Amino acid sequence: MSEIFDLGELKNLKINLAGIHQTENASLAVKAAQILNIDEKSIRSGLNTARNIGRFEKLSENPTVIFDGAHNLNGTEALVGAINRYFPEAKLSIIYAAMADKDIDASLHYLKENGFAKRTEVFTVPVKDNPRAEIPEKLSEKFRSFGFYATPCETIGEAYKKATDKNNTVLICGSLYLYKDFTEYRNFKK
């Protein structure tokens, strides 16, 4: 997934980051590079090789697995925009964890208002070794209060197995801490 955009005299700039908001970020980077007199070839190369690990990162093709560390309303807004841009009709299986001190309700309200409760099944998981993490049962209760079908799971491995059984696009989100947990799970599974 990538975006192509124009900026002034520079045409067809390609950035290998997903989401229309990334073109705004890239535009700022290009302007800064131009002020620093960095040549066009280097600008294009930098945009093409830029990565943002854990931000709408496609981890797998079959099944499609996307990781996004969205853990607040702004992140959720960007995530919804990217899902609707790249997977507008997809049924989703969301694997979700969050820190208890985050405004989870604002994100869940935004997901519901954008039709995600109708196209989503949620599997809530703990974040390993993190005392700030909300427990899966409470997360599932919160999701249910917003009209989602949600199931608490004891581990990310259990949630992943259930999510991939659905033949849906799998979205892992809610906390950047999940990236480590999922990476460990995938490496152990191999």
N, C-alpha and C. Protein backbone atom coordinates (compact mmCIF):
# COMPACT_ATOMS: atom_id res chain seq x y z
N MET A 1 0.84 -1.16 0.00
CA MET A 1 0.00 0.00 0.00
C MET A 1 0.89 1.23 0.00
N SER A 2 0.56 2.14 -0.89
CA SER A 2 1.35 3.36 -1.01
C SER A 2 0.45 4.49 -1.47
N GLU A 3 0.99 5.67 -1.47
CA GLU A 3 0.29 6.86 -1.93
C GLU A 3 1.18 7.59 -2.93
N ILE A 4 0.56 8.16 -3.93
CA ILE A 4 1.26 8.97 -4.93
C ILE A 4 0.63 10.36 -4.90
N PHE A 5 1.47 11.39 -4.88
CA PHE A 5 0.96 12.75 -4.79
C PHE A 5 1.89 13.71 -5.51
N ASP A 6 1.38 14.90 -5.80
CA ASP A 6 2.16 15.98 -6.40
C ASP A 6 2.36 17.06 -5.35
N LEU A 7 3.49 17.74 -5.44
CA LEU A 7 3.76 18.86 -4.54
C LEU A 7 4.52 19.91 -5.34
N GLY A 8 3.81 20.96 -5.73
CA GLY A 8 4.44 22.01 -6.54
C GLY A 8 4.93 21.43 -7.85
N GLU A 9 6.20 21.66 -8.14
CA GLU A 9 6.80 21.18 -9.39
C GLU A 9 7.11 19.68 -9.35
N LEU A 10 7.12 19.09 -8.18
CA LEU A 10 7.42 17.66 -8.06
C LEU A 10 6.14 16.86 -8.29
N LYS A 11 6.17 16.02 -9.30
CA LYS A 11 4.99 15.22 -9.67
C LYS A 11 5.24 13.75 -9.38
N ASN A 12 4.15 13.05 -9.11
CA ASN A 12 4.18 11.60 -8.89
C ASN A 12 5.18 11.17 -7.82
N LEU A 13 5.14 11.88 -6.71
CA LEU A 13 5.94 11.46 -5.57
C LEU A 13 5.28 10.25 -4.94
N LYS A 14 6.05 9.22 -4.66
CA LYS A 14 5.50 7.99 -4.11
C LYS A 14 6.04 7.78 -2.71
N ILE A 15 5.11 7.49 -1.80
CA ILE A 15 5.49 7.16 -0.43
C ILE A 15 4.88 5.80 -0.10
N ASN A 16 5.69 4.92 0.44
CA ASN A 16 5.25 3.57 0.77
C ASN A 16 4.70 3.49 2.19
N LEU A 17 3.88 4.47 2.52
CA LEU A 17 3.17 4.49 3.78
C LEU A 17 1.69 4.61 3.46
N ALA A 18 0.87 3.85 4.13
CA ALA A 18 -0.55 3.82 3.83
C ALA A 18 -1.29 4.92 4.57
N GLY A 19 -2.28 5.46 3.89
CA GLY A 19 -3.15 6.47 4.48
C GLY A 19 -2.93 7.82 3.85
N ILE A 20 -4.03 8.46 3.52
CA ILE A 20 -3.95 9.75 2.86
C ILE A 20 -3.27 10.78 3.76
N HIS A 21 -3.38 10.62 5.08
CA HIS A 21 -2.72 11.54 6.00
C HIS A 21 -1.19 11.49 5.85
N GLN A 22 -0.67 10.37 5.34
CA GLN A 22 0.78 10.27 5.17
C GLN A 22 1.29 11.20 4.07
N THR A 23 0.43 11.55 3.11
CA THR A 23 0.88 12.51 2.08
C THR A 23 1.07 13.88 2.70
N GLU A 24 0.27 14.22 3.69
CA GLU A 24 0.45 15.50 4.40
C GLU A 24 1.78 15.50 5.15
N ASN A 25 2.06 14.40 5.84
CA ASN A 25 3.33 14.28 6.56
C ASN A 25 4.51 14.33 5.58
N ALA A 26 4.38 13.61 4.47
CA ALA A 26 5.45 13.58 3.48
C ALA A 26 5.66 14.95 2.85
N SER A 27 4.59 15.69 2.63
CA SER A 27 4.70 17.03 2.06
C SER A 27 5.55 17.94 2.94
N LEU A 28 5.35 17.83 4.25
CA LEU A 28 6.16 18.62 5.18
C LEU A 28 7.62 18.21 5.10
N ALA A 29 7.87 16.92 5.00
CA ALA A 29 9.24 16.43 4.90
C ALA A 29 9.90 16.91 3.60
N VAL A 30 9.14 16.89 2.51
CA VAL A 30 9.68 17.35 1.21
C VAL A 30 10.02 18.83 1.29
N LYS A 31 9.12 19.63 1.86
CA LYS A 31 9.38 21.07 1.99
C LYS A 31 10.64 21.32 2.82
N ALA A 32 10.79 20.58 3.91
CA ALA A 32 11.99 20.73 4.74
C ALA A 32 13.23 20.34 3.96
N ALA A 33 13.15 19.26 3.19
CA ALA A 33 14.29 18.82 2.37
C ALA A 33 14.64 19.87 1.32
N GLN A 34 13.64 20.49 0.73
CA GLN A 34 13.90 21.53 -0.27
C GLN A 34 14.58 22.74 0.37
N ILE A 35 14.15 23.11 1.56
CA ILE A 35 14.79 24.23 2.27
C ILE A 35 16.26 23.92 2.54
N LEU A 36 16.55 22.65 2.78
CA LEU A 36 17.92 22.21 3.04
C LEU A 36 18.69 21.93 1.75
N ASN A 37 18.08 22.24 0.62
CA ASN A 37 18.71 22.05 -0.71
C ASN A 37 19.05 20.60 -1.01
N ILE A 38 18.22 19.69 -0.56
CA ILE A 38 18.40 18.28 -0.89
C ILE A 38 17.82 18.05 -2.28
N ASP A 39 18.55 17.33 -3.11
CA ASP A 39 18.16 17.15 -4.51
C ASP A 39 16.93 16.25 -4.65
N GLU A 40 16.26 16.38 -5.81
CA GLU A 40 15.01 15.65 -6.06
C GLU A 40 15.20 14.14 -6.00
N LYS A 41 16.30 13.64 -6.54
CA LYS A 41 16.53 12.19 -6.52
C LYS A 41 16.59 11.66 -5.08
N SER A 42 17.26 12.39 -4.22
CA SER A 42 17.36 11.97 -2.81
C SER A 42 16.01 12.08 -2.11
N ILE A 43 15.24 13.12 -2.45
CA ILE A 43 13.91 13.27 -1.87
C ILE A 43 13.04 12.07 -2.25
N ARG A 44 13.05 11.74 -3.54
CA ARG A 44 12.24 10.60 -4.01
C ARG A 44 12.69 9.29 -3.34
N SER A 45 14.00 9.12 -3.25
CA SER A 45 14.52 7.91 -2.62
C SER A 45 14.11 7.84 -1.15
N GLY A 46 14.20 8.96 -0.45
CA GLY A 46 13.81 8.99 0.96
C GLY A 46 12.35 8.67 1.16
N LEU A 47 11.50 9.24 0.31
CA LEU A 47 10.07 8.95 0.41
C LEU A 47 9.79 7.47 0.13
N ASN A 48 10.47 6.94 -0.86
CA ASN A 48 10.24 5.56 -1.27
C ASN A 48 10.69 4.55 -0.22
N THR A 49 11.67 4.90 0.57
CA THR A 49 12.20 3.95 1.56
C THR A 49 11.69 4.21 2.98
N ALA A 50 10.92 5.28 3.17
CA ALA A 50 10.41 5.60 4.51
C ALA A 50 9.49 4.49 5.02
N ARG A 51 9.62 4.16 6.27
CA ARG A 51 8.78 3.16 6.91
C ARG A 51 8.32 3.70 8.24
N ASN A 52 7.15 3.28 8.67
CA ASN A 52 6.61 3.65 9.97
C ASN A 52 6.06 2.37 10.60
N ILE A 53 6.94 1.63 11.22
CA ILE A 53 6.61 0.34 11.79
C ILE A 53 5.44 0.48 12.77
N GLY A 54 4.46 -0.41 12.63
CA GLY A 54 3.33 -0.41 13.55
C GLY A 54 2.24 0.58 13.23
N ARG A 55 2.34 1.25 12.10
CA ARG A 55 1.31 2.20 11.68
C ARG A 55 0.76 1.75 10.33
N PHE A 56 -0.41 1.19 10.35
CA PHE A 56 -1.06 0.61 9.20
C PHE A 56 -0.06 -0.22 8.38
N GLU A 57 0.59 -1.11 9.08
CA GLU A 57 1.60 -1.98 8.49
C GLU A 57 0.96 -3.32 8.12
N LYS A 58 1.10 -3.68 6.86
CA LYS A 58 0.57 -4.97 6.40
C LYS A 58 1.58 -6.04 6.79
N LEU A 59 1.14 -6.95 7.65
CA LEU A 59 2.02 -8.01 8.15
C LEU A 59 1.88 -9.30 7.37
N SER A 60 0.75 -9.46 6.70
CA SER A 60 0.48 -10.71 6.01
C SER A 60 -0.51 -10.45 4.88
N GLU A 61 -0.41 -11.24 3.82
CA GLU A 61 -1.29 -11.11 2.67
C GLU A 61 -2.45 -12.11 2.69
N ASN A 62 -2.17 -13.34 3.13
CA ASN A 62 -3.20 -14.36 3.10
C ASN A 62 -3.16 -15.16 4.40
N PRO A 63 -3.88 -14.80 5.42
CA PRO A 63 -4.90 -13.76 5.41
C PRO A 63 -4.28 -12.36 5.50
N THR A 64 -5.05 -11.37 5.09
CA THR A 64 -4.59 -9.99 5.23
C THR A 64 -4.60 -9.63 6.70
N VAL A 65 -3.42 -9.25 7.20
CA VAL A 65 -3.28 -8.84 8.59
C VAL A 65 -2.62 -7.47 8.61
N ILE A 66 -3.29 -6.52 9.24
CA ILE A 66 -2.80 -5.15 9.36
C ILE A 66 -2.58 -4.85 10.83
N PHE A 67 -1.43 -4.23 11.12
CA PHE A 67 -1.20 -3.76 12.49
C PHE A 67 -1.20 -2.24 12.47
N ASP A 68 -1.94 -1.66 13.42
CA ASP A 68 -1.90 -0.22 13.60
C ASP A 68 -1.99 0.08 15.09
N GLY A 69 -1.06 0.83 15.58
CA GLY A 69 -1.00 1.12 17.00
C GLY A 69 -1.99 2.17 17.48
N ALA A 70 -3.02 2.46 16.69
CA ALA A 70 -4.01 3.49 17.07
C ALA A 70 -4.49 3.25 18.49
N HIS A 71 -4.26 4.24 19.36
CA HIS A 71 -4.64 4.08 20.77
C HIS A 71 -5.32 5.33 21.33
N ASN A 72 -5.66 6.27 20.45
CA ASN A 72 -6.41 7.45 20.86
C ASN A 72 -7.32 7.86 19.71
N LEU A 73 -8.11 8.90 19.91
CA LEU A 73 -9.07 9.30 18.90
C LEU A 73 -8.40 9.71 17.59
N ASN A 74 -7.33 10.48 17.64
CA ASN A 74 -6.65 10.88 16.40
C ASN A 74 -6.14 9.67 15.63
N GLY A 75 -5.54 8.74 16.33
CA GLY A 75 -5.05 7.53 15.68
C GLY A 75 -6.19 6.70 15.11
N THR A 76 -7.30 6.64 15.83
CA THR A 76 -8.47 5.89 15.36
C THR A 76 -9.06 6.54 14.11
N GLU A 77 -9.10 7.86 14.07
CA GLU A 77 -9.59 8.56 12.88
C GLU A 77 -8.74 8.23 11.67
N ALA A 78 -7.42 8.25 11.83
CA ALA A 78 -6.52 7.91 10.71
C ALA A 78 -6.69 6.45 10.32
N LEU A 79 -6.83 5.57 11.29
CA LEU A 79 -7.03 4.15 11.02
C LEU A 79 -8.31 3.91 10.24
N VAL A 80 -9.41 4.52 10.65
CA VAL A 80 -10.68 4.37 9.95
C VAL A 80 -10.56 4.88 8.51
N GLY A 81 -9.89 6.01 8.34
CA GLY A 81 -9.68 6.54 6.99
C GLY A 81 -8.91 5.56 6.12
N ALA A 82 -7.87 4.95 6.66
CA ALA A 82 -7.07 4.00 5.88
C ALA A 82 -7.85 2.72 5.59
N ILE A 83 -8.56 2.19 6.58
CA ILE A 83 -9.37 0.99 6.34
C ILE A 83 -10.40 1.27 5.25
N ASN A 84 -11.08 2.40 5.34
CA ASN A 84 -12.10 2.72 4.34
C ASN A 84 -11.49 2.98 2.96
N ARG A 85 -10.27 3.42 2.92
CA ARG A 85 -9.59 3.68 1.64
C ARG A 85 -9.12 2.38 0.97
N TYR A 86 -8.51 1.48 1.75
CA TYR A 86 -7.90 0.27 1.19
C TYR A 86 -8.78 -0.97 1.28
N PHE A 87 -9.68 -1.01 2.25
CA PHE A 87 -10.53 -2.18 2.46
C PHE A 87 -11.98 -1.74 2.73
N PRO A 88 -12.59 -1.00 1.81
CA PRO A 88 -13.89 -0.38 2.09
C PRO A 88 -15.03 -1.37 2.34
N GLU A 89 -14.97 -2.54 1.78
CA GLU A 89 -16.07 -3.51 1.91
C GLU A 89 -15.71 -4.69 2.80
N ALA A 90 -14.51 -4.72 3.30
CA ALA A 90 -14.02 -5.90 4.02
C ALA A 90 -14.73 -6.09 5.36
N LYS A 91 -15.02 -7.35 5.65
CA LYS A 91 -15.42 -7.74 7.00
C LYS A 91 -14.13 -7.78 7.82
N LEU A 92 -14.21 -7.34 9.05
CA LEU A 92 -13.01 -7.23 9.87
C LEU A 92 -13.09 -8.10 11.11
N SER A 93 -11.96 -8.67 11.46
CA SER A 93 -11.75 -9.27 12.77
C SER A 93 -10.70 -8.41 13.44
N ILE A 94 -11.10 -7.75 14.52
CA ILE A 94 -10.18 -6.86 15.23
C ILE A 94 -9.65 -7.56 16.47
N ILE A 95 -8.34 -7.57 16.61
CA ILE A 95 -7.68 -8.02 17.83
C ILE A 95 -7.27 -6.73 18.55
N TYR A 96 -7.76 -6.54 19.76
CA TYR A 96 -7.65 -5.24 20.40
C TYR A 96 -7.15 -5.36 21.84
N ALA A 97 -6.24 -4.48 22.18
CA ALA A 97 -5.80 -4.30 23.56
C ALA A 97 -5.61 -2.81 23.77
N ALA A 98 -5.68 -2.38 25.02
CA ALA A 98 -5.49 -0.96 25.31
C ALA A 98 -5.01 -0.79 26.74
N MET A 99 -4.39 0.33 26.99
CA MET A 99 -4.02 0.71 28.33
C MET A 99 -5.26 1.26 29.03
N ALA A 100 -5.42 0.94 30.30
CA ALA A 100 -6.61 1.33 31.05
C ALA A 100 -6.74 2.85 31.19
N ASP A 101 -5.62 3.57 31.08
CA ASP A 101 -5.67 5.02 31.25
C ASP A 101 -5.94 5.78 29.95
N LYS A 102 -6.24 5.07 28.87
CA LYS A 102 -6.55 5.72 27.59
C LYS A 102 -8.06 5.97 27.49
N ASP A 103 -8.43 6.97 26.67
CA ASP A 103 -9.84 7.28 26.43
C ASP A 103 -10.38 6.32 25.37
N ILE A 104 -10.64 5.11 25.80
CA ILE A 104 -11.10 4.06 24.91
C ILE A 104 -12.48 4.39 24.34
N ASP A 105 -13.34 4.96 25.15
CA ASP A 105 -14.71 5.25 24.72
C ASP A 105 -14.75 6.16 23.49
N ALA A 106 -13.89 7.17 23.44
CA ALA A 106 -13.89 8.07 22.29
C ALA A 106 -13.56 7.32 21.01
N SER A 107 -12.60 6.41 21.08
CA SER A 107 -12.24 5.62 19.90
C SER A 107 -13.37 4.67 19.51
N LEU A 108 -13.98 4.02 20.49
CA LEU A 108 -15.06 3.08 20.19
C LEU A 108 -16.28 3.82 19.63
N HIS A 109 -16.57 4.98 20.16
CA HIS A 109 -17.67 5.78 19.63
C HIS A 109 -17.41 6.13 18.16
N TYR A 110 -16.18 6.52 17.85
CA TYR A 110 -15.83 6.87 16.47
C TYR A 110 -15.96 5.64 15.54
N LEU A 111 -15.50 4.50 16.01
CA LEU A 111 -15.64 3.27 15.21
C LEU A 111 -17.12 2.97 14.95
N LYS A 112 -17.93 3.07 15.99
CA LYS A 112 -19.36 2.79 15.83
C LYS A 112 -20.00 3.78 14.86
N GLU A 113 -19.71 5.06 15.02
CA GLU A 113 -20.31 6.09 14.16
C GLU A 113 -19.91 5.91 12.69
N ASN A 114 -18.82 5.21 12.44
CA ASN A 114 -18.36 4.97 11.07
C ASN A 114 -18.71 3.58 10.57
N GLY A 115 -19.67 2.93 11.22
CA GLY A 115 -20.22 1.68 10.74
C GLY A 115 -19.42 0.43 11.03
N PHE A 116 -18.44 0.52 11.90
CA PHE A 116 -17.58 -0.64 12.14
C PHE A 116 -18.26 -1.71 12.99
N ALA A 117 -19.25 -1.35 13.80
CA ALA A 117 -19.92 -2.37 14.62
C ALA A 117 -20.65 -3.38 13.74
N LYS A 118 -21.08 -2.95 12.56
CA LYS A 118 -21.82 -3.83 11.66
C LYS A 118 -20.91 -4.76 10.85
N ARG A 119 -19.66 -4.41 10.72
CA ARG A 119 -18.77 -5.20 9.86
C ARG A 119 -17.60 -5.83 10.60
N THR A 120 -17.70 -5.85 11.93
CA THR A 120 -16.54 -6.22 12.74
C THR A 120 -16.89 -7.22 13.84
N GLU A 121 -15.98 -8.15 14.04
CA GLU A 121 -15.99 -8.99 15.23
C GLU A 121 -14.70 -8.68 15.98
N VAL A 122 -14.79 -8.52 17.29
CA VAL A 122 -13.66 -8.07 18.09
C VAL A 122 -13.21 -9.17 19.05
N PHE A 123 -11.90 -9.32 19.15
CA PHE A 123 -11.28 -10.23 20.12
C PHE A 123 -10.35 -9.39 20.99
N THR A 124 -10.70 -9.23 22.25
CA THR A 124 -9.86 -8.43 23.14
C THR A 124 -8.82 -9.31 23.81
N VAL A 125 -7.64 -8.73 24.00
CA VAL A 125 -6.50 -9.49 24.54
C VAL A 125 -5.77 -8.66 25.58
N PRO A 126 -5.01 -9.34 26.45
CA PRO A 126 -4.16 -8.61 27.38
C PRO A 126 -2.86 -8.18 26.69
N VAL A 127 -2.21 -7.21 27.25
CA VAL A 127 -0.83 -6.90 26.86
C VAL A 127 0.05 -7.54 27.91
N LYS A 128 0.98 -8.37 27.46
CA LYS A 128 1.84 -9.11 28.38
C LYS A 128 2.71 -8.17 29.22
N ASP A 129 2.84 -8.51 30.47
CA ASP A 129 3.79 -7.85 31.37
C ASP A 129 3.63 -6.33 31.43
N ASN A 130 2.39 -5.85 31.40
CA ASN A 130 2.17 -4.41 31.47
C ASN A 130 1.04 -4.12 32.47
N PRO A 131 1.39 -3.60 33.63
CA PRO A 131 0.38 -3.35 34.66
C PRO A 131 -0.64 -2.27 34.27
N ARG A 132 -0.35 -1.45 33.27
CA ARG A 132 -1.29 -0.41 32.82
C ARG A 132 -2.36 -0.97 31.90
N ALA A 133 -2.18 -2.17 31.40
CA ALA A 133 -3.10 -2.74 30.40
C ALA A 133 -4.46 -3.03 31.01
N GLU A 134 -5.49 -2.72 30.22
CA GLU A 134 -6.86 -3.07 30.61
C GLU A 134 -7.06 -4.56 30.39
N ILE A 135 -7.87 -5.19 31.23
CA ILE A 135 -8.09 -6.64 31.08
C ILE A 135 -9.08 -6.88 29.93
N PRO A 136 -8.93 -8.00 29.24
CA PRO A 136 -9.78 -8.29 28.08
C PRO A 136 -11.28 -8.29 28.38
N GLU A 137 -11.67 -8.78 29.55
CA GLU A 137 -13.09 -8.83 29.89
C GLU A 137 -13.69 -7.43 29.91
N LYS A 138 -12.99 -6.46 30.51
CA LYS A 138 -13.49 -5.08 30.56
C LYS A 138 -13.51 -4.45 29.17
N LEU A 139 -12.50 -4.76 28.37
CA LEU A 139 -12.49 -4.23 27.00
C LEU A 139 -13.67 -4.77 26.20
N SER A 140 -13.94 -6.06 26.34
CA SER A 140 -15.08 -6.64 25.63
C SER A 140 -16.39 -6.01 26.08
N GLU A 141 -16.52 -5.77 27.39
CA GLU A 141 -17.72 -5.10 27.89
C GLU A 141 -17.89 -3.72 27.25
N LYS A 142 -16.78 -2.98 27.16
CA LYS A 142 -16.84 -1.66 26.54
C LYS A 142 -17.28 -1.76 25.09
N PHE A 143 -16.69 -2.68 24.34
CA PHE A 143 -17.07 -2.85 22.94
C PHE A 143 -18.56 -3.19 22.84
N ARG A 144 -19.02 -4.11 23.68
CA ARG A 144 -20.43 -4.50 23.64
C ARG A 144 -21.35 -3.32 23.92
N SER A 145 -20.93 -2.42 24.81
CA SER A 145 -21.77 -1.26 25.13
C SER A 145 -21.91 -0.32 23.93
N PHE A 146 -21.04 -0.48 22.93
CA PHE A 146 -21.12 0.31 21.71
C PHE A 146 -21.70 -0.49 20.54
N GLY A 147 -22.23 -1.67 20.84
CA GLY A 147 -22.91 -2.46 19.82
C GLY A 147 -22.05 -3.43 19.05
N PHE A 148 -20.84 -3.68 19.50
CA PHE A 148 -19.95 -4.62 18.84
C PHE A 148 -20.13 -6.02 19.42
N TYR A 149 -19.85 -7.02 18.60
CA TYR A 149 -19.74 -8.38 19.10
C TYR A 149 -18.29 -8.54 19.54
N ALA A 150 -18.05 -8.81 20.81
CA ALA A 150 -16.68 -8.87 21.34
C ALA A 150 -16.49 -10.07 22.25
N THR A 151 -15.34 -10.70 22.10
CA THR A 151 -14.98 -11.89 22.87
C THR A 151 -13.63 -11.67 23.55
N PRO A 152 -13.55 -11.82 24.87
CA PRO A 152 -12.24 -11.74 25.51
C PRO A 152 -11.42 -13.01 25.26
N CYS A 153 -10.14 -12.84 25.06
CA CYS A 153 -9.22 -13.97 24.86
C CYS A 153 -8.08 -13.86 25.86
N GLU A 154 -7.54 -15.01 26.23
CA GLU A 154 -6.46 -15.02 27.21
C GLU A 154 -5.12 -14.62 26.62
N THR A 155 -4.91 -14.89 25.32
CA THR A 155 -3.63 -14.58 24.68
C THR A 155 -3.86 -14.04 23.27
N ILE A 156 -2.85 -13.41 22.75
CA ILE A 156 -2.94 -12.93 21.38
C ILE A 156 -2.97 -14.11 20.41
N GLY A 157 -2.33 -15.21 20.76
CA GLY A 157 -2.37 -16.40 19.91
C GLY A 157 -3.78 -16.97 19.79
N GLU A 158 -4.50 -17.03 20.91
CA GLU A 158 -5.88 -17.50 20.88
C GLU A 158 -6.74 -16.58 20.02
N ALA A 159 -6.56 -15.28 20.19
CA ALA A 159 -7.34 -14.31 19.40
C ALA A 159 -7.01 -14.42 17.92
N TYR A 160 -5.74 -14.59 17.61
CA TYR A 160 -5.32 -14.68 16.20
C TYR A 160 -5.94 -15.91 15.54
N LYS A 161 -5.94 -17.03 16.23
CA LYS A 161 -6.55 -18.25 15.67
C LYS A 161 -8.04 -18.04 15.40
N LYS A 162 -8.74 -17.44 16.34
CA LYS A 162 -10.17 -17.18 16.16
C LYS A 162 -10.40 -16.17 15.03
N ALA A 163 -9.59 -15.14 14.99
CA ALA A 163 -9.76 -14.09 13.97
C ALA A 163 -9.51 -14.63 12.56
N THR A 164 -8.49 -15.45 12.41
CA THR A 164 -8.16 -15.96 11.08
C THR A 164 -9.11 -17.06 10.63
N ASP A 165 -9.82 -17.69 11.56
CA ASP A 165 -10.84 -18.68 11.19
C ASP A 165 -12.02 -18.05 10.47
N LYS A 166 -12.19 -16.76 10.62
CA LYS A 166 -13.34 -16.05 10.06
C LYS A 166 -13.16 -15.68 8.59
N ASN A 167 -11.95 -15.81 8.06
CA ASN A 167 -11.65 -15.44 6.68
C ASN A 167 -11.90 -13.94 6.44
N ASN A 168 -11.71 -13.15 7.48
CA ASN A 168 -11.86 -11.70 7.40
C ASN A 168 -10.49 -11.04 7.29
N THR A 169 -10.49 -9.75 6.99
CA THR A 169 -9.28 -8.96 7.14
C THR A 169 -9.05 -8.79 8.63
N VAL A 170 -7.84 -9.08 9.09
CA VAL A 170 -7.51 -9.01 10.52
C VAL A 170 -6.81 -7.69 10.80
N LEU A 171 -7.32 -6.98 11.77
CA LEU A 171 -6.74 -5.71 12.19
C LEU A 171 -6.34 -5.83 13.64
N ILE A 172 -5.06 -5.64 13.92
CA ILE A 172 -4.56 -5.67 15.29
C ILE A 172 -4.30 -4.23 15.68
N CYS A 173 -4.97 -3.76 16.75
CA CYS A 173 -4.84 -2.35 17.09
C CYS A 173 -5.15 -2.08 18.55
N GLY A 174 -5.04 -0.81 18.94
CA GLY A 174 -5.38 -0.37 20.28
C GLY A 174 -4.18 -0.03 21.14
N SER A 175 -3.03 -0.60 20.81
CA SER A 175 -1.83 -0.35 21.60
C SER A 175 -0.59 -0.74 20.81
N LEU A 176 0.40 0.12 20.84
CA LEU A 176 1.67 -0.24 20.20
C LEU A 176 2.37 -1.38 20.94
N TYR A 177 2.04 -1.58 22.20
CA TYR A 177 2.62 -2.69 22.96
C TYR A 177 2.26 -4.04 22.33
N LEU A 178 1.15 -4.12 21.64
CA LEU A 178 0.73 -5.37 21.00
C LEU A 178 1.70 -5.81 19.91
N TYR A 179 2.42 -4.86 19.34
CA TYR A 179 3.36 -5.20 18.26
C TYR A 179 4.39 -6.22 18.75
N LYS A 180 4.94 -5.94 19.92
CA LYS A 180 5.92 -6.87 20.50
C LYS A 180 5.28 -8.22 20.78
N ASP A 181 4.08 -8.20 21.38
CA ASP A 181 3.40 -9.45 21.70
C ASP A 181 3.10 -10.26 20.43
N PHE A 182 2.62 -9.60 19.40
CA PHE A 182 2.29 -10.32 18.17
C PHE A 182 3.55 -10.83 17.47
N THR A 183 4.60 -10.04 17.47
CA THR A 183 5.87 -10.48 16.86
C THR A 183 6.41 -11.71 17.58
N GLU A 184 6.36 -11.70 18.90
CA GLU A 184 6.81 -12.87 19.66
C GLU A 184 5.95 -14.09 19.34
N TYR A 185 4.64 -13.90 19.24
CA TYR A 185 3.74 -14.99 18.92
C TYR A 185 4.07 -15.56 17.54
N ARG A 186 4.22 -14.69 16.54
CA ARG A 186 4.52 -15.15 15.18
C ARG A 186 5.85 -15.89 15.12
N ASN A 187 6.85 -15.36 15.79
CA ASN A 187 8.18 -16.01 15.79
C ASN A 187 8.14 -17.36 16.49
N PHE A 188 7.36 -17.46 17.56
CA PHE A 188 7.23 -18.72 18.29
C PHE A 188 6.49 -19.75 17.43
N LYS A 189 5.50 -19.28 16.69
CA LYS A 189 4.66 -20.16 15.87
C LYS A 189 5.46 -20.78 14.72
N LYS A 190 6.48 -20.10 14.25
CA LYS A 190 7.26 -20.59 13.10
C LYS A 190 8.05 -21.76 13.45
